[in-house]
C-alpha cells in the first residue's frame, strides 16, 4: 500500500517526546563545568511554598537539584525515577507549570493518560497561554476519546496562533473521527490556505475521503492535484489505486498506462500493471509489464517477489511461459545480487524444471549471502545427493550439523555421505545421533533406520542390521526402499532367500520400474538358481536406466556366466568396469573369465 494510504495514529507519542525540544520555559541559564541547562525561574520559586510560605534559599536549591535530576533521568530513560523527583518538586511548590507539564509527558509515555490529563490541566491552570501545554492536552484527550475537550484546547491554540496549520490539521482529524466530513474538508482547506499548496496535507484530506468511503470524491481531488503537480507520479498511482478499490479495472489500467507513457522511469507503474493482468489470468501481458519492473534496481524486491511467486505457482500447472519466468527470476538476481531471496526463487524454478545443476549454483550463492537459511541448505544437500557429488555432500552435511545441531535432516545426509565413502563406523554413529533427534516424524525415522541397516550390513553386523530393518518395517511395512535394501542384504549372505523374494516383490508392486528394485529381484532369482527369470529382470533393470550402474552391469555378467555365455558375461563385466559401483572381485572375474562366489 502506498505511504499516503497508511493509517494515521490517534495518539502520537513521538509528538509528545518532541515537544520538550520546543518548550520555552520561564527560565534562567546556568553555566558550569561546560554544561548548559534550563531550570524554572527563581523568581517564581521565590514566591510561595505549598504551605503558602516564602521559599527559603535551601528549598530553592533543593527544587533546582530535583528538577535537574528529573530531566537527566528522563533523558536516560529512567522515567520512574524522573517522576519521583518531579513529585518531590511539587511537594516544595505546586506553582511551577513546567513541573506539571513534564510529569504529564512522562505519565503519557507510561500510558497513564488520565493521570497525565490531571497534571497537564494543572499546568494550563497556571499558564493558560502556553501552546505546548495545550497541544499535549489535546493529544491526551484524543487518546481518551474526549473529543470535545480536545477540540476546545485546539481552538485555544488557534486563538493564540492563528497561523498554526497544525492545529487545523488536528481538528480536521478529530472531526473525521466524529464523522463530520464537511468540517474536516473545510479545516484541511484552511490549513492549505496557511501553508500554501501542500501534497502532504492534500494526501491527508484525500485519505479522509477514502476512509469515509467517498472514493469518487477522492478521485476528484487527485485530478485537482494532477493539474497542480503534473510531474509527481505518485498522484496518478494513487488515482489508479482508487479505481482498483472500485474494481474499475478499465480506468485503473488507463490511468497507469498514461503514467507509464509520461514517466517510463517510474517502474512501480509496470509492476502494478503486471499484478492487474496476472489477477485477470493474462500471464502474457503480465510478463510484458513485469520485465521492466523486475529489471529496476529502485523497486523493493519484496514487491517483486509477490508477483514472482504467483508466476512460480502458475508454472506448476501451465508450462507455456516457463522460459519467461526463468528469465524474470534471473533478472531479479541481476537487480538484487546481494539479496538471497532473488537467488533462492531463481534456484527454485530451475529445480522444479529439473535443471538441478543450475539450481545448485543459485542455492550455493544463497548459502553465502544468508548461511542461516536452513531450507536452502536442505536443497543444496538434496541436489548434491542426486548428482552424486559425494565430496561436496559430505563437506556441506558436516557443516550443517554444526550450523543446525538440533536438525536431524543434516545428520541423515551426513550419514548417507559417510556410507558412500564406505566410512561405515562413522556413518552408524552419526545416523544414530541424528535418529535420537527425530520426534513425531515416522517417515524420517524410517529413513534413518534404513541407512543404519545399510551401514550395519556393510560392516557385516547382520544381526544388528536385521533388527534395524525390522524396526523400520514395523513403522512402514510397505516402504519399498526398506523392503529392497533388507532383501538385498539377505541375498548377499544367502539367508532367508524366499522371504527376501517376497519383500522385493512387494517393493516392485509399489515401484515396478525402479532399476535398483529390478536388479535386487534379478539377484535374488540368481541366488535361487532361476537364471532365465533373473536374466529377464536384469534386462528390465538395464532398460529402466541401469545402464550406468556398475552393480547392475556386473550382475548381468554374473547371470550370463551361469547361463553358459562366458564371452557375453565378460563383455558386461568390462562395461561394469567403466562405471561406478562394481565389486572388488570384478577385476579377478575379468582376468579369470569366471564368476566368483
Protein backbone atom coordinates (compact mmCIF):
# COMPACT_ATOMS: atom_id res chain seq x y z
CA UNK A 1 0.00 0.00 0.00
CA UNK A 2 1.38 3.47 -0.85
CA UNK A 3 2.69 5.55 2.02
CA UNK A 4 -0.14 8.04 1.66
CA UNK A 5 -2.65 5.28 2.48
CA UNK A 6 -1.08 4.38 5.83
CA UNK A 7 -3.40 4.54 8.83
CA UNK A 8 -2.94 7.59 10.96
CA UNK A 9 -2.18 7.18 14.64
CA UNK A 10 -4.66 8.77 17.05
CA UNK A 11 -2.04 9.26 19.74
CA UNK A 12 1.41 10.34 18.63
CA UNK A 13 3.91 9.62 21.35
CA UNK A 14 6.61 10.92 19.06
CA UNK A 15 4.91 14.32 19.10
CA UNK A 16 4.86 14.32 22.88
CA UNK A 17 8.51 13.33 23.03
CA UNK A 18 9.46 16.12 20.67
CA UNK A 19 7.53 18.82 22.49
CA UNK A 20 10.27 19.21 25.07
CA UNK A 21 12.63 20.45 22.40
CA UNK A 22 10.16 23.21 21.59
CA UNK A 23 9.22 24.12 25.15
CA UNK A 24 10.16 27.67 26.14
CA UNK A 25 10.17 27.67 29.93
CA UNK A 26 10.42 30.75 32.02
CA UNK A 27 14.00 30.08 32.95
CA UNK A 28 17.43 31.18 33.89
CA UNK A 29 20.60 29.94 32.23
CA UNK A 30 23.07 28.22 34.48
CA UNK A 31 26.51 27.58 33.09
CA UNK A 32 29.01 25.43 34.88
CA UNK A 33 31.54 22.72 34.15
CA UNK A 34 30.95 23.13 30.42
CA UNK A 35 27.23 22.29 30.67
CA UNK A 36 24.13 24.38 29.96
CA UNK A 37 20.74 23.51 31.49
CA UNK A 38 17.37 25.20 31.67
CA UNK A 39 15.71 25.44 35.07
CA UNK A 40 12.48 27.07 36.29
CA UNK A 41 12.78 30.70 37.18
CA UNK A 42 13.97 31.51 40.66
CA UNK A 43 11.60 34.43 40.55
CA UNK A 44 8.73 32.00 40.62
CA UNK A 45 10.35 29.78 43.17
CA UNK A 46 10.89 32.72 45.42
CA UNK A 47 7.15 33.27 45.77
CA UNK A 48 5.45 30.64 47.94
CA UNK A 49 5.81 27.05 49.03
CA UNK A 50 2.80 24.72 49.09
CA UNK A 51 2.18 25.93 52.64
CA UNK A 52 1.93 29.48 51.35
CA UNK A 53 5.27 30.48 52.80
CA UNK A 54 8.16 32.13 51.00
CA UNK A 55 10.67 29.55 49.78
CA UNK A 56 13.98 29.53 51.54
CA UNK A 57 17.23 29.52 49.62
CA UNK A 58 17.64 25.93 50.78
CA UNK A 59 14.28 24.94 49.24
CA UNK A 60 15.09 26.77 46.02
CA UNK A 61 18.34 24.87 45.69
CA UNK A 62 16.67 21.58 46.55
CA UNK A 63 13.97 22.26 43.95
CA UNK A 64 16.50 23.06 41.25
CA UNK A 65 18.56 19.97 42.10
CA UNK A 66 15.48 17.71 41.96
CA UNK A 67 14.31 19.22 38.69
CA UNK A 68 17.76 18.81 37.15
CA UNK A 69 17.88 15.15 38.29
CA UNK A 70 14.41 14.56 36.81
CA UNK A 71 15.41 15.91 33.42
CA UNK A 72 18.62 13.87 33.47
CA UNK A 73 16.79 10.67 34.43
CA UNK A 74 14.21 11.28 31.71
CA UNK A 75 16.95 11.65 29.10
CA UNK A 76 18.45 8.34 30.29
CA UNK A 77 15.09 6.58 30.10
CA UNK A 78 14.71 6.30 33.89
CA UNK A 79 11.12 7.51 33.79
CA UNK A 80 10.00 6.23 37.19
CA UNK A 81 12.92 7.99 38.92
CA UNK A 82 12.18 11.15 36.95
CA UNK A 83 8.52 11.05 38.02
CA UNK A 84 9.55 10.54 41.64
CA UNK A 85 11.90 13.57 41.51
CA UNK A 86 9.22 15.77 39.93
CA UNK A 87 6.70 14.75 42.59
CA UNK A 88 9.26 15.84 45.20
CA UNK A 89 9.47 19.18 43.37
CA UNK A 90 5.70 19.57 43.74
CA UNK A 91 5.97 18.99 47.47
CA UNK A 92 8.17 22.09 47.56
CA UNK A 93 5.88 24.18 45.33
CA UNK A 94 2.79 23.42 43.25
CA UNK A 95 3.06 26.67 41.33
CA UNK A 96 5.59 25.72 38.64
CA UNK A 97 3.75 24.82 35.43
CA UNK A 98 6.83 23.27 33.83
CA UNK A 99 6.93 20.57 36.51
CA UNK A 100 3.30 19.59 35.91
CA UNK A 101 3.97 19.55 32.16
CA UNK A 102 6.98 17.26 32.49
CA UNK A 103 5.01 14.98 34.79
CA UNK A 104 2.19 14.80 32.24
CA UNK A 105 4.58 13.94 29.44
CA UNK A 106 6.22 11.17 31.43
CA UNK A 107 2.92 9.67 32.54
CA UNK A 108 1.60 9.80 28.99
CA UNK A 109 4.67 7.93 27.85
CA UNK A 110 4.00 5.34 30.56
CA UNK A 111 0.39 5.01 29.34
CA UNK A 112 -1.22 6.64 32.39
CA UNK A 113 -3.31 9.00 30.28
CA UNK A 114 -5.85 10.07 32.88
CA UNK A 115 -3.12 10.93 35.40
CA UNK A 116 -1.34 12.80 32.62
CA UNK A 117 -4.53 14.77 31.86
CA UNK A 118 -4.83 15.81 35.50
CA UNK A 119 -1.24 17.05 35.51
CA UNK A 120 -1.40 18.93 32.20
CA UNK A 121 -4.62 20.65 33.23
CA UNK A 122 -2.81 21.85 36.35
CA UNK A 123 -0.04 23.24 34.12
CA UNK A 124 -2.63 25.01 31.93
CA UNK A 125 -4.35 26.41 35.01
CA UNK A 126 -1.06 28.03 35.93
CA UNK A 127 -0.16 29.10 32.38
CA UNK A 128 -3.18 29.04 30.07
CA UNK A 129 -1.49 30.68 27.08
CA UNK A 130 1.24 28.09 26.62
CA UNK A 131 0.68 26.44 23.23
CA UNK A 132 2.77 23.39 24.08
CA UNK A 133 0.69 22.63 27.15
CA UNK A 134 -2.49 22.98 25.12
CA UNK A 135 -1.12 20.70 22.38
CA UNK A 136 -0.31 17.98 24.89
CA UNK A 137 -3.73 18.27 26.48
CA UNK A 138 -5.42 17.97 23.09
CA UNK A 139 -3.39 14.87 22.28
CA UNK A 140 -4.27 13.25 25.59
CA UNK A 141 -7.98 13.97 25.21
CA UNK A 142 -7.87 12.43 21.74
CA UNK A 143 -6.31 9.34 23.23
CA UNK A 144 -9.10 9.04 25.79
CA UNK A 145 -11.67 9.86 23.07
CA UNK A 146 -12.83 13.02 24.82
CA UNK A 147 -13.03 14.81 21.50
CA UNK A 148 -14.94 17.92 22.61
CA UNK A 149 -12.30 18.71 25.20
CA UNK A 150 -9.58 18.09 22.63
CA UNK A 151 -11.29 20.49 20.21
CA UNK A 152 -11.65 23.09 22.97
CA UNK A 153 -7.89 23.10 23.54
CA UNK A 154 -7.15 23.19 19.82
CA UNK A 155 -9.44 26.20 19.41
CA UNK A 156 -7.46 27.95 22.14
CA UNK A 157 -4.28 27.24 20.16
CA UNK A 158 -5.86 28.71 17.02
CA UNK A 159 -6.79 31.83 19.01
CA UNK A 160 -3.22 32.14 20.28
CA UNK A 161 -1.56 31.22 16.96
CA UNK A 162 -3.99 31.72 14.08
CA UNK A 163 -1.24 30.95 11.60
CA UNK A 164 -0.55 27.49 13.05
CA UNK A 165 -1.69 24.97 10.42
CA UNK A 166 -1.08 22.02 12.74
CA UNK A 167 -3.98 23.00 14.99
CA UNK A 168 -6.33 22.99 12.00
CA UNK A 169 -4.98 19.62 10.87
CA UNK A 170 -5.53 18.12 14.31
CA UNK A 171 -9.06 19.48 14.38
CA UNK A 172 -9.67 18.04 10.92
CA UNK A 173 -8.66 14.59 12.09
CA UNK A 174 -10.93 14.80 15.12
CA UNK A 175 -13.93 15.87 13.05
CA UNK A 176 -13.19 12.98 10.71
CA UNK A 177 -13.31 10.62 13.69
CA UNK A 178 -16.62 12.22 14.67
CA UNK A 179 -17.91 11.62 11.14
CA UNK A 180 -18.23 15.29 10.18
CA UNK A 181 -16.58 15.16 6.75
CA UNK A 182 -17.79 18.63 5.81
CA UNK A 183 -15.93 20.28 8.68
CA UNK A 184 -12.94 18.02 8.02
CA UNK A 185 -12.73 19.26 4.45
CA UNK A 186 -13.04 22.91 5.49
CA UNK A 187 -10.29 22.57 8.09
CA UNK A 188 -7.91 20.96 5.60
CA UNK A 189 -8.68 23.80 3.22
CA UNK A 190 -7.87 26.29 5.99
CA UNK A 191 -4.55 24.54 6.66
CA UNK A 192 -3.67 24.69 2.95
CA UNK A 193 -4.63 28.36 2.93
CA UNK A 194 -1.98 28.92 5.60
CA UNK A 195 0.77 26.70 4.23
CA UNK A 196 0.12 27.06 0.52
CA UNK A 197 -0.35 24.04 -1.73
CA UNK A 198 0.91 21.03 0.16
CA UNK A 199 1.00 17.46 -1.09
CA UNK A 200 1.18 16.13 2.45
CA UNK A 201 -1.97 17.94 3.54
CA UNK A 202 -3.76 17.08 0.32
CA UNK A 203 -2.91 13.42 0.83
CA UNK A 204 -4.33 13.58 4.34
CA UNK A 205 -7.52 15.13 3.05
CA UNK A 206 -7.86 12.51 0.32
CA UNK A 207 -7.19 9.79 2.85
CA UNK A 208 -10.11 11.09 4.90
CA UNK A 209 -12.41 10.74 1.88
CA UNK A 210 -11.18 7.20 1.30
CA UNK A 211 -11.80 6.19 4.90
CA UNK A 212 -15.28 7.63 4.63
CA UNK A 213 -15.91 5.55 1.50
CA UNK A 214 -16.07 8.65 -0.73
CA UNK A 215 -13.88 7.24 -3.48
CA UNK A 216 -15.37 9.39 -6.24
CA UNK A 217 -14.57 12.48 -4.17
CA UNK A 218 -11.06 11.16 -3.59
CA UNK A 219 -10.61 10.68 -7.35
CA UNK A 220 -11.81 14.25 -7.98
CA UNK A 221 -9.25 15.53 -5.51
CA UNK A 222 -6.46 13.57 -7.22
CA UNK A 223 -7.47 15.14 -10.55
CA UNK A 224 -7.03 18.58 -8.98
CA UNK A 225 -3.64 17.54 -7.64
CA UNK A 226 -2.55 16.23 -11.04
CA UNK A 227 -3.25 19.67 -12.51
CA UNK A 228 -1.19 21.34 -9.78
CA UNK A 229 1.60 18.73 -9.62
CA UNK A 230 1.72 17.12 -13.08
CA UNK A 231 5.23 15.71 -12.60
CA UNK A 232 4.51 13.80 -9.37
CA UNK A 233 3.87 10.16 -10.40
CA UNK A 234 2.54 9.07 -7.02
CA UNK A 235 -0.65 11.09 -7.59
CA UNK A 236 -1.62 9.17 -10.73
CA UNK A 237 -0.64 5.95 -8.97
CA UNK A 238 -2.95 6.90 -6.12
CA UNK A 239 -5.77 7.59 -8.56
CA UNK A 240 -5.28 4.16 -10.13
CA UNK A 241 -5.43 2.60 -6.67
CA UNK A 242 -8.80 4.21 -6.06
CA UNK A 243 -10.12 2.81 -9.33
CA UNK A 244 -8.87 -0.60 -8.26
CA UNK A 245 -10.68 -0.21 -4.95
CA UNK A 246 -13.84 0.37 -7.01
CA UNK A 247 -12.95 -2.67 -9.14
CA UNK A 248 -12.89 -0.34 -12.14
CA UNK A 249 -10.05 -2.11 -13.93
CA UNK A 250 -10.55 -0.27 -17.20
CA UNK A 251 -9.93 3.16 -15.67
CA UNK A 252 -7.15 1.83 -13.45
CA UNK A 253 -5.30 0.40 -16.46
CA UNK A 254 -5.91 3.57 -18.47
CA UNK A 255 -4.54 5.74 -15.65
CA UNK A 256 -1.46 3.56 -15.22
CA UNK A 257 -0.81 3.45 -18.97
CA UNK A 258 -0.87 7.25 -19.09
CA UNK A 259 1.56 7.31 -16.18
CA UNK A 260 3.84 4.82 -17.95
CA UNK A 261 3.86 6.99 -21.06
CA UNK A 262 4.52 10.23 -19.18
CA UNK A 263 7.09 8.77 -16.77
CA UNK A 264 8.61 5.50 -18.03
CA UNK A 265 11.24 5.61 -15.30
CA UNK A 266 8.62 5.26 -12.56
CA UNK A 267 8.75 1.47 -12.68
CA UNK A 268 6.18 0.87 -9.94
CA UNK A 269 3.64 1.52 -12.69
CA UNK A 270 4.76 -1.55 -14.62
CA UNK A 271 4.65 -3.70 -11.51
CA UNK A 272 1.07 -2.63 -10.78
CA UNK A 273 0.01 -3.31 -14.36
CA UNK A 274 1.63 -6.74 -14.17
CA UNK A 275 -0.29 -7.51 -10.97
CA UNK A 276 -3.57 -6.42 -12.54
CA UNK A 277 -3.05 -8.62 -15.58
CA UNK A 278 -1.92 -11.62 -13.56
CA UNK A 279 -5.08 -11.33 -11.44
CA UNK A 280 -7.05 -11.40 -14.69
CA UNK A 281 -5.20 -14.53 -15.74
CA UNK A 282 -3.50 -12.73 -18.63
CA UNK A 283 0.01 -14.02 -17.96
CA UNK A 284 1.38 -12.92 -21.32
CA UNK A 285 0.56 -9.26 -20.60
CA UNK A 286 1.70 -9.66 -17.00
CA UNK A 287 5.11 -10.87 -18.16
CA UNK A 288 5.38 -7.96 -20.61
CA UNK A 289 4.97 -5.41 -17.81
CA UNK A 290 6.93 -7.42 -15.25
CA UNK A 291 10.13 -7.29 -17.33
CA UNK A 292 10.94 -3.56 -16.81
CA UNK A 293 9.72 -3.75 -13.21
CA UNK A 294 11.93 -6.73 -12.35
CA UNK A 295 14.94 -5.15 -14.06
CA UNK A 296 14.59 -2.00 -11.94
CA UNK A 297 17.02 -1.66 -9.05
CA UNK A 298 14.82 1.01 -7.46
CA UNK A 299 11.84 -1.21 -6.69
CA UNK A 300 11.65 -3.19 -3.47
CA UNK A 301 12.44 -6.86 -4.05
CA UNK A 302 9.60 -7.97 -1.76
CA UNK A 303 7.03 -6.35 -4.06
CA UNK A 304 8.55 -8.21 -7.00
CA UNK A 305 8.70 -11.46 -5.07
CA UNK A 306 4.93 -11.45 -4.50
CA UNK A 307 4.43 -11.40 -8.27
CA UNK A 308 7.24 -13.88 -8.90
CA UNK A 309 5.62 -16.37 -6.53
CA UNK A 310 2.36 -16.11 -8.48
CA UNK A 311 4.30 -16.86 -11.67
CA UNK A 312 6.05 -19.75 -9.91
CA UNK A 313 2.79 -21.31 -8.74
CA UNK A 314 1.14 -20.89 -12.15
CA UNK A 315 4.05 -22.57 -13.92
CA UNK A 316 3.32 -25.71 -11.94
CA UNK A 317 0.03 -26.03 -13.85
CA UNK A 318 0.85 -24.39 -17.17
CA UNK A 319 4.28 -24.66 -18.77
CA UNK A 320 3.51 -22.13 -21.53
CA UNK A 321 5.51 -19.29 -20.00
CA UNK A 322 8.14 -21.23 -18.02
CA UNK A 323 11.07 -19.85 -20.04
CA UNK A 324 9.85 -16.29 -19.45
CA UNK A 325 9.52 -16.96 -15.72
CA UNK A 326 13.09 -18.26 -15.64
CA UNK A 327 14.26 -15.09 -17.42
CA UNK A 328 12.36 -12.94 -14.90
CA UNK A 329 13.89 -14.83 -12.00
CA UNK A 330 17.34 -14.27 -13.49
CA UNK A 331 16.64 -10.55 -13.83
CA UNK A 332 15.84 -10.48 -10.11
CA UNK A 333 19.35 -11.72 -9.35
CA UNK A 334 20.81 -9.03 -11.61
CA UNK A 335 18.79 -6.25 -9.96
CA UNK A 336 19.29 -7.56 -6.40
CA UNK A 337 22.56 -9.54 -6.39
CA UNK A 338 23.07 -9.15 -2.64
CA UNK A 339 19.61 -10.36 -1.65
CA UNK A 340 19.39 -14.11 -1.12
CA UNK A 341 15.68 -14.17 -1.98
CA UNK A 342 16.42 -13.45 -5.64
CA UNK A 343 18.84 -16.37 -5.94
CA UNK A 344 16.53 -18.65 -3.96
CA UNK A 345 13.49 -18.16 -6.19
CA UNK A 346 15.68 -18.49 -9.30
CA UNK A 347 17.01 -21.75 -7.88
CA UNK A 348 13.51 -22.99 -7.03
CA UNK A 349 12.11 -22.54 -10.52
CA UNK A 350 15.20 -24.17 -12.07
CA UNK A 351 14.93 -27.02 -9.57
CA UNK A 352 11.32 -27.67 -10.43
CA UNK A 353 12.13 -27.65 -14.13
CA UNK A 354 14.78 -30.31 -13.37
CA UNK A 355 17.69 -28.00 -14.18
CA UNK A 356 19.23 -29.06 -10.91
CA UNK A 357 22.86 -28.23 -11.74
CA UNK A 358 21.93 -24.59 -12.38
CA UNK A 359 19.63 -24.62 -9.37
CA UNK A 360 22.53 -25.76 -7.20
CA UNK A 361 24.66 -22.81 -8.34
CA UNK A 362 21.94 -20.43 -7.14
CA UNK A 363 21.35 -22.22 -3.86
CA UNK A 364 25.06 -22.10 -3.07
CA UNK A 365 25.05 -18.33 -3.58
CA UNK A 366 22.16 -18.07 -1.11
CA UNK A 367 24.15 -20.01 1.49
CA UNK A 368 26.98 -17.48 1.12
CA UNK A 369 24.64 -14.49 1.47
CA UNK A 370 22.44 -15.99 4.18
CA UNK A 371 24.09 -19.07 5.76
CA UNK A 372 21.34 -19.26 8.37
CA UNK A 373 18.71 -20.34 5.79
CA UNK A 374 18.10 -23.96 6.74
CA UNK A 375 15.71 -24.80 3.89
CA UNK A 376 18.24 -23.66 1.30
CA UNK A 377 20.90 -25.89 2.83
CA UNK A 378 18.45 -28.79 2.60
CA UNK A 379 18.05 -28.08 -1.12
CA UNK A 380 21.83 -27.92 -1.58
CA UNK A 381 22.30 -31.33 0.05
CA UNK A 382 19.36 -32.81 -1.84
CA UNK A 383 20.81 -31.75 -5.21
CA UNK A 384 24.35 -32.80 -4.31
CA UNK A 385 22.99 -36.19 -3.28
CA UNK A 386 21.03 -36.58 -6.51
CA UNK A 387 24.06 -35.59 -8.60
CA UNK A 388 26.34 -37.99 -6.74
CA UNK A 389 28.60 -35.17 -5.54
CA UNK A 390 29.82 -37.17 -2.56
CA UNK A 391 32.71 -34.91 -1.51
CA UNK A 392 30.56 -31.78 -1.54
CA UNK A 393 27.70 -33.60 0.16
CA UNK A 394 29.99 -34.77 2.95
CA UNK A 395 31.58 -31.34 3.43
CA UNK A 396 28.29 -29.44 3.49
CA UNK A 397 26.39 -32.02 5.56
CA UNK A 398 29.06 -31.93 8.28
CA UNK A 399 28.97 -28.11 8.20
CA UNK A 400 25.18 -28.13 8.57
CA UNK A 401 25.26 -30.43 11.61
CA UNK A 402 27.31 -27.67 13.26
CA UNK A 403 25.14 -24.82 11.98
CA UNK A 404 21.90 -26.61 12.91
CA UNK A 405 22.85 -29.16 15.59
CA UNK A 406 19.24 -29.94 16.55
CA UNK A 407 18.02 -30.64 13.00
CA UNK A 408 18.09 -34.39 12.22
CA UNK A 409 17.86 -33.97 8.42
CA UNK A 410 21.51 -32.91 8.26
CA UNK A 411 22.67 -35.97 10.20
CA UNK A 412 20.77 -38.06 7.66
CA UNK A 413 22.68 -36.53 4.76
CA UNK A 414 25.96 -36.74 6.65
CA UNK A 415 25.36 -40.42 7.39
CA UNK A 416 24.50 -41.06 3.74
CA UNK A 417 27.72 -39.36 2.61
CA UNK A 418 29.80 -41.43 5.05
CA UNK A 419 28.18 -44.62 3.73
CA UNK A 420 29.01 -43.58 0.18
CA UNK A 421 32.70 -43.15 1.05
CA UNK A 422 32.50 -46.51 2.89
CA UNK A 423 33.17 -44.96 6.28
CA UNK A 424 30.52 -47.14 7.87
CA UNK A 425 31.60 -46.89 11.52
CA UNK A 426 31.29 -43.10 11.47
CA UNK A 427 28.07 -43.43 9.49
CA UNK A 428 26.37 -45.52 12.19
CA UNK A 429 27.47 -43.11 14.93
CA UNK A 430 26.23 -40.03 13.02
CA UNK A 431 22.97 -41.68 11.98
CA UNK A 432 22.19 -42.94 15.49
CA UNK A 433 22.93 -39.44 16.85
CA UNK A 434 20.51 -37.94 14.33
CA UNK A 435 17.89 -40.61 15.00
CA UNK A 436 17.81 -39.52 18.65
CA UNK A 437 16.70 -36.06 17.47
CA UNK A 438 13.72 -37.34 15.46
CA UNK A 439 10.44 -36.59 17.26
CA UNK A 440 6.93 -37.28 15.93
CA UNK A 441 8.19 -37.91 12.41
CA UNK A 442 7.75 -41.60 11.49
CA UNK A 443 8.75 -41.10 7.85
CA UNK A 444 12.10 -39.56 8.79
CA UNK A 445 12.64 -42.22 11.43
CA UNK A 446 12.26 -44.89 8.74
CA UNK A 447 14.83 -43.09 6.56
CA UNK A 448 17.35 -43.14 9.39
CA UNK A 449 16.71 -46.79 10.23
CA UNK A 450 17.09 -47.80 6.59
CA UNK A 451 20.52 -46.16 6.32
CA UNK A 452 21.64 -47.55 9.68
CA UNK A 453 20.63 -51.01 8.44
CA UNK A 454 22.68 -50.47 5.28
CA UNK A 455 25.71 -49.40 7.32
CA UNK A 456 25.50 -52.43 9.61
CA UNK A 457 25.13 -54.67 6.55
CA UNK A 458 28.33 -53.20 5.10
CA UNK A 459 30.04 -53.81 8.45
CA UNK A 460 28.72 -57.41 8.30
CA UNK A 461 26.91 -56.88 11.59
CA UNK A 462 23.94 -58.75 10.22
CA UNK A 463 22.04 -59.31 13.45
CA UNK A 464 22.03 -55.57 14.13
CA UNK A 465 21.11 -54.85 10.51
CA UNK A 466 18.15 -57.27 10.59
CA UNK A 467 16.88 -55.78 13.85
CA UNK A 468 17.08 -52.24 12.42
CA UNK A 469 15.36 -53.15 9.13
CA UNK A 470 12.57 -54.93 11.01
CA UNK A 471 12.05 -51.90 13.24
CA UNK A 472 11.73 -49.77 10.11
CA UNK A 473 9.19 -52.19 8.61
CA UNK A 474 7.21 -52.19 11.86
CA UNK A 475 6.67 -48.45 11.27
CA UNK A 476 6.22 -48.63 7.48
CA UNK A 477 5.61 -52.26 6.42
CA UNK A 478 5.17 -51.35 2.75
CA UNK A 479 8.12 -48.99 2.38
CA UNK A 480 9.70 -50.14 -0.91
CA UNK A 481 13.17 -48.78 -0.16
CA UNK A 482 13.45 -50.66 3.14
CA UNK A 483 12.00 -53.81 1.55
CA UNK A 484 14.57 -53.58 -1.23
CA UNK A 485 17.56 -52.93 1.00
CA UNK A 486 16.61 -55.60 3.53
CA UNK A 487 16.01 -58.21 0.82
CA UNK A 488 19.29 -57.33 -0.91
CA UNK A 489 21.10 -57.61 2.43
CA UNK A 490 19.67 -61.12 2.88
CA UNK A 491 20.59 -62.11 -0.68
CA UNK A 492 24.20 -61.04 -0.24
CA UNK A 493 24.58 -63.53 2.62
CA UNK A 494 22.30 -66.19 1.10
CA UNK A 495 19.90 -66.09 4.04
CA UNK A 496 16.09 -66.31 4.04
CA UNK A 497 16.01 -66.00 0.25
CA UNK A 498 12.35 -66.94 -0.02
CA UNK A 499 11.44 -64.20 2.47
CA UNK A 500 13.74 -61.83 0.61
CA UNK A 501 11.93 -62.70 -2.64
CA UNK A 502 8.56 -61.83 -1.08
CA UNK A 503 9.88 -58.50 0.17
CA UNK A 504 11.33 -57.42 -3.18
CA UNK A 505 8.14 -58.47 -4.96
CA UNK A 506 6.24 -56.17 -2.59
CA UNK A 507 8.68 -53.35 -3.36
CA UNK A 508 8.25 -53.88 -7.12
CA UNK A 509 4.48 -53.80 -6.82
CA UNK A 510 4.86 -50.28 -5.41
CA UNK A 511 7.52 -49.15 -7.91
CA UNK A 512 7.70 -51.61 -10.84
CA UNK A 513 10.15 -49.61 -12.99
CA UNK A 514 12.78 -48.87 -10.38
CA UNK A 515 16.10 -50.21 -11.76
CA UNK A 516 17.53 -50.88 -8.28
CA UNK A 517 14.49 -52.94 -7.27
CA UNK A 518 14.56 -54.85 -10.57
CA UNK A 519 18.25 -55.57 -10.01
CA UNK A 520 17.61 -56.86 -6.48
CA UNK A 521 14.85 -59.15 -7.75
CA UNK A 522 17.12 -60.46 -10.52
CA UNK A 523 19.89 -61.05 -7.99
CA UNK A 524 17.66 -62.99 -5.62
CA UNK A 525 16.42 -65.10 -8.55
CA UNK A 526 20.09 -65.67 -9.43
CA UNK A 527 20.76 -66.88 -5.88
CA UNK A 528 17.73 -69.19 -6.20
CA UNK A 529 19.24 -70.55 -9.45
CA UNK A 530 16.33 -69.23 -11.56
CA UNK A 531 18.68 -67.86 -14.24
CA UNK A 532 16.19 -67.44 -17.09
CA UNK A 533 13.90 -65.27 -14.98
CA UNK A 534 16.90 -63.50 -13.48
CA UNK A 535 18.08 -62.57 -17.00
CA UNK A 536 14.62 -61.23 -17.85
CA UNK A 537 14.59 -58.91 -14.82
CA UNK A 538 18.21 -57.78 -15.08
CA UNK A 539 17.47 -56.73 -18.67
CA UNK A 540 14.46 -54.77 -17.39
CA UNK A 541 16.76 -53.12 -14.86
CA UNK A 542 19.12 -52.02 -17.64
CA UNK A 543 16.24 -50.79 -19.79
CA UNK A 544 14.82 -48.82 -16.84
CA UNK A 545 18.01 -46.77 -16.52
CA UNK A 546 20.53 -49.18 -15.05
CA UNK A 547 22.94 -48.99 -17.96
CA UNK A 548 25.13 -46.59 -15.96
CA UNK A 549 25.26 -48.74 -12.83
CA UNK A 550 28.37 -50.83 -12.30
CA UNK A 551 26.46 -53.09 -9.91
CA UNK A 552 23.65 -53.86 -12.37
CA UNK A 553 26.03 -54.48 -15.28
CA UNK A 554 28.23 -56.73 -13.14
CA UNK A 555 25.17 -58.73 -12.05
CA UNK A 556 24.16 -59.05 -15.70
CA UNK A 557 27.55 -60.59 -16.43
CA UNK A 558 27.23 -62.96 -13.45
CA UNK A 559 23.84 -64.19 -14.68
CA UNK A 560 25.12 -64.69 -18.24
CA UNK A 561 28.11 -66.66 -16.95
CA UNK A 562 25.81 -69.03 -15.05
CA UNK A 563 23.82 -69.45 -18.26
CA UNK A 564 26.97 -70.54 -20.08
CA UNK A 565 27.51 -67.31 -22.04
CA UNK A 566 31.06 -66.61 -20.89
CA UNK A 567 32.02 -64.18 -23.65
CA UNK A 568 28.85 -62.14 -23.13
CA UNK A 569 29.48 -62.25 -19.39
CA UNK A 570 32.99 -60.82 -19.78
CA UNK A 571 31.60 -58.13 -22.09
CA UNK A 572 29.20 -56.98 -19.36
CA UNK A 573 31.90 -57.16 -16.70
CA UNK A 574 34.04 -54.89 -18.84
CA UNK A 575 31.10 -52.48 -19.19
CA UNK A 576 30.71 -52.54 -15.42
CA UNK A 577 34.40 -51.69 -15.05
CA UNK A 578 33.81 -48.38 -16.86
CA UNK A 579 31.04 -47.39 -14.42
CA UNK A 580 30.82 -46.89 -10.68
CA UNK A 581 29.53 -49.33 -8.08
CA UNK A 582 31.15 -52.61 -9.09
CA UNK A 583 32.52 -55.11 -6.57
CA UNK A 584 36.16 -55.58 -5.56
CA UNK A 585 36.10 -59.01 -7.26
CA UNK A 586 35.36 -57.64 -10.73
CA UNK A 587 38.98 -57.45 -11.91
CA UNK A 588 39.55 -61.08 -10.94
CA UNK A 589 36.35 -62.12 -12.74
CA UNK A 590 37.55 -60.43 -15.91
CA UNK A 591 41.03 -61.87 -15.63
CA UNK A 592 39.88 -65.45 -14.94
CA UNK A 593 36.75 -65.17 -17.10
CA UNK A 594 34.68 -66.84 -14.43
CA UNK A 595 32.16 -65.94 -11.76
CA UNK A 596 33.47 -65.86 -8.20
CA UNK A 597 31.32 -66.59 -5.16
